[in-house]
Structures are given as structure tokens and as C-alpha cells.
Protein backbone atom coordinates (compact mmCIF):
# COMPACT_ATOMS: atom_id res chain seq x y z
CA UNK A 1 -63.16 68.93 113.54
CA UNK A 2 -63.99 66.31 110.90
CA UNK A 3 -61.27 64.23 109.31
CA UNK A 4 -59.94 64.97 105.86
CA UNK A 5 -58.49 62.36 103.51
CA UNK A 6 -55.39 62.77 101.38
CA UNK A 7 -52.52 60.80 99.87
CA UNK A 8 -49.89 59.96 102.47
CA UNK A 9 -46.57 61.77 102.46
CA UNK A 10 -43.26 60.22 103.41
CA UNK A 11 -43.39 62.15 106.68
CA UNK A 12 -46.66 60.35 107.52
CA UNK A 13 -45.15 56.91 107.06
CA UNK A 14 -43.91 56.34 110.65
CA UNK A 15 -47.45 57.06 111.90
CA UNK A 16 -49.00 54.77 109.28
CA UNK A 17 -46.66 51.91 110.18
CA UNK A 18 -47.33 52.42 113.89
CA UNK A 19 -51.10 52.28 113.34
CA UNK A 20 -50.83 49.10 111.27
CA UNK A 21 -48.53 47.50 113.86
CA UNK A 22 -50.83 48.50 116.75
CA UNK A 23 -52.65 45.23 116.33
CA UNK A 24 -51.86 41.78 117.72
CA UNK A 25 -52.46 40.09 114.36
CA UNK A 26 -50.47 42.54 112.22
CA UNK A 27 -47.68 43.55 114.59
CA UNK A 28 -45.24 40.75 113.78
CA UNK A 29 -45.68 40.94 110.03
CA UNK A 30 -45.51 44.75 109.96
CA UNK A 31 -42.28 45.10 111.90
CA UNK A 32 -40.63 48.31 113.05
CA UNK A 33 -40.55 51.31 110.73
CA UNK A 34 -37.56 51.18 108.45
CA UNK A 35 -36.07 50.94 104.98
CA UNK A 36 -38.52 48.27 103.77
CA UNK A 37 -41.46 50.57 104.53
CA UNK A 38 -39.82 53.51 102.76
CA UNK A 39 -39.15 51.33 99.68
CA UNK A 40 -42.76 50.12 99.66
CA UNK A 41 -43.98 53.71 100.00
CA UNK A 42 -41.85 54.76 97.02
CA UNK A 43 -43.30 51.91 94.94
CA UNK A 44 -46.88 52.81 95.92
CA UNK A 45 -46.29 56.49 95.22
CA UNK A 46 -44.81 55.71 91.77
CA UNK A 47 -47.73 53.48 90.73
CA UNK A 48 -50.82 55.33 89.44
CA UNK A 49 -52.97 52.34 90.41
CA UNK A 50 -51.96 52.47 94.08
CA UNK A 51 -52.70 55.01 96.76
CA UNK A 52 -51.75 55.10 100.42
CA UNK A 53 -54.35 57.35 102.01
CA UNK A 54 -54.37 58.95 105.44
CA UNK A 55 -57.16 60.47 107.48
CA UNK A 56 -56.04 63.65 109.17
CA UNK A 57 -57.72 65.43 112.04
CA UNK A 58 -56.39 68.60 113.65
CA UNK A 59 -53.10 68.11 111.78
CA UNK A 60 -52.62 64.57 113.09
CA UNK A 61 -52.72 61.33 111.08
CA UNK A 62 -55.53 59.30 112.68
CA UNK A 63 -56.35 56.69 110.05
CA UNK A 64 -54.99 54.97 106.97
CA UNK A 65 -55.88 52.62 104.16
CA UNK A 66 -54.32 51.48 100.92
CA UNK A 67 -56.25 51.49 97.67
CA UNK A 68 -55.23 49.43 94.64
CA UNK A 69 -57.05 49.74 91.32
CA UNK A 70 -56.96 46.46 89.42
CA UNK A 71 -57.91 46.03 85.76
CA UNK A 72 -59.45 42.69 84.94
CA UNK A 73 -60.77 40.54 82.17
CA UNK A 74 -63.67 39.15 84.21
CA UNK A 75 -66.78 41.25 84.70
CA UNK A 76 -66.46 42.40 81.09
CA UNK A 77 -63.06 43.98 81.54
CA UNK A 78 -64.07 45.85 84.65
CA UNK A 79 -61.79 47.56 87.13
CA UNK A 80 -61.98 46.64 90.79
CA UNK A 81 -60.82 48.42 93.91
CA UNK A 82 -58.83 46.44 96.48
CA UNK A 83 -58.84 47.99 99.96
CA UNK A 84 -56.12 46.98 102.40
CA UNK A 85 -54.54 47.96 105.71
CA UNK A 86 -57.56 49.83 107.07
CA UNK A 87 -56.62 51.25 110.44
CA UNK A 88 -57.93 53.92 112.81
CA UNK A 89 -55.88 55.28 115.70
CA UNK A 90 -56.78 53.28 118.79
CA UNK A 91 -58.04 56.33 120.73
CA UNK A 92 -60.60 57.09 117.98
CA UNK A 93 -61.98 53.62 117.27
CA UNK A 94 -65.73 53.21 117.51
CA UNK A 95 -66.48 56.86 116.67
CA UNK A 96 -67.37 56.49 113.00
CA UNK A 97 -64.04 57.41 111.42
CA UNK A 98 -63.56 53.95 109.89
CA UNK A 99 -67.01 54.18 108.31
CA UNK A 100 -66.22 57.61 106.85
CA UNK A 101 -62.89 56.31 105.52
CA UNK A 102 -64.53 53.33 103.83
CA UNK A 103 -67.37 55.42 102.38
CA UNK A 104 -64.76 57.83 101.00
CA UNK A 105 -62.75 54.92 99.53
CA UNK A 106 -65.86 53.42 97.90
CA UNK A 107 -66.68 56.75 96.27
CA UNK A 108 -63.07 57.09 95.12
CA UNK A 109 -63.30 53.67 93.48
CA UNK A 110 -66.58 54.59 91.84
CA UNK A 111 -65.02 57.81 90.49
CA UNK A 112 -62.18 55.76 89.00
CA UNK A 113 -64.68 53.51 87.20
CA UNK A 114 -64.45 50.48 89.48
CA UNK A 115 -67.45 48.18 89.48
CA UNK A 116 -66.59 46.20 92.60
CA UNK A 117 -64.76 46.87 95.85
CA UNK A 118 -63.03 43.95 97.50
CA UNK A 119 -61.04 43.37 100.64
CA UNK A 120 -59.83 40.60 102.86
CA UNK A 121 -59.88 40.49 106.62
CA UNK A 122 -58.48 37.92 109.00
CA UNK A 123 -61.00 35.23 109.92
CA UNK A 124 -60.54 36.00 113.62
CA UNK A 125 -61.57 39.67 113.24
CA UNK A 126 -65.27 39.25 114.02
CA UNK A 127 -65.78 42.96 114.78
CA UNK A 128 -64.27 43.86 111.41
CA UNK A 129 -66.58 41.37 109.70
CA UNK A 130 -69.63 43.01 111.29
CA UNK A 131 -68.29 46.45 110.33
CA UNK A 132 -67.80 45.55 106.66
CA UNK A 133 -71.18 43.82 106.50
CA UNK A 134 -72.80 46.99 107.90
CA UNK A 135 -71.32 48.82 104.90
CA UNK A 136 -72.95 46.33 102.51
CA UNK A 137 -70.00 44.00 101.92
CA UNK A 138 -70.83 40.30 101.62
CA UNK A 139 -68.55 37.39 102.49
CA UNK A 140 -69.01 36.03 98.98
CA UNK A 141 -65.67 34.28 98.45
CA UNK A 142 -63.20 32.20 100.40
CA UNK A 143 -59.73 33.73 100.33
CA UNK A 144 -56.36 31.96 100.34
CA UNK A 145 -52.84 33.20 100.87
CA UNK A 146 -49.50 31.55 100.35
CA UNK A 147 -46.61 33.00 102.35
CA UNK A 148 -43.57 33.26 100.09
CA UNK A 149 -41.34 34.84 102.72
């Protein structure tokens, strides 16, 4: 059965957090499911420019990504779509679900009037880099982050 995509529900959140934390790079910064995640979910759900999306297959959450729609002055006042926290359940990786999720997200951004889709990925994630490049993304900018925590 093919996956369907929908906004996450609070009941999905433990599965989403587990998928994001099922990764050596993200595990420590994601933590164990708790109040912080529920507060973040409430903030995302209340913001019309944010969506936490899940991929569901046979009634099970098997993928997730977060979409943020950002208005901007550059590009003639264009909107952009920021894609974050793209994850597929470990048992289903390499079967095309991630590609379907990203294609769905790109179309969602296009439908919302976005003119560019952007994302960041850790420099050590070489497989992810190849994946995004296969979708037409270009490593056009150098990204920086400053940890305030």
C-alpha cells in the first residue's frame, strides 16, 4: 500500500520524535520524547506557516518532515519553503519513500506560492547530499549555525 501524507497529530508525536532520534547525529539533540516536544508541536500546529507532516502506511507513521513557509523581501518578495527533519523509518529506507515525501513537499510549496525550496543537511551526511542532488537541489550556499543553548 502506498504512503499517504497528512499533518501530524499529537498522538503521532512519540513516533516522530523516535524517528528523528534514530540517528547518531540527531539523537543527542533530539532527546527523549517529553514536554518540550509537546510544546513545540503546539507551536507548530498554531502557526499557519508551519506544518509537521507524517507519511502513513497501513495505519503506521513511517516518515516525517517539517515544512516552514517563509515570506521574504529578497527574490521580489517571494515566499520560500524550508524543509527540515526529513526522516524515514529505518526499515523502509532506500525504497523510495523519502523521494515521494520530498516530491510531495515540493508540490505543497509550489501550491502555497513558494518560489524556492531550501534545506540544510549535516556536512557528514554524504548519502543525504546525493539524495537531495538527485531531486535537483544544488549546494549553492554555505550554511552557518550558532548554538544558543
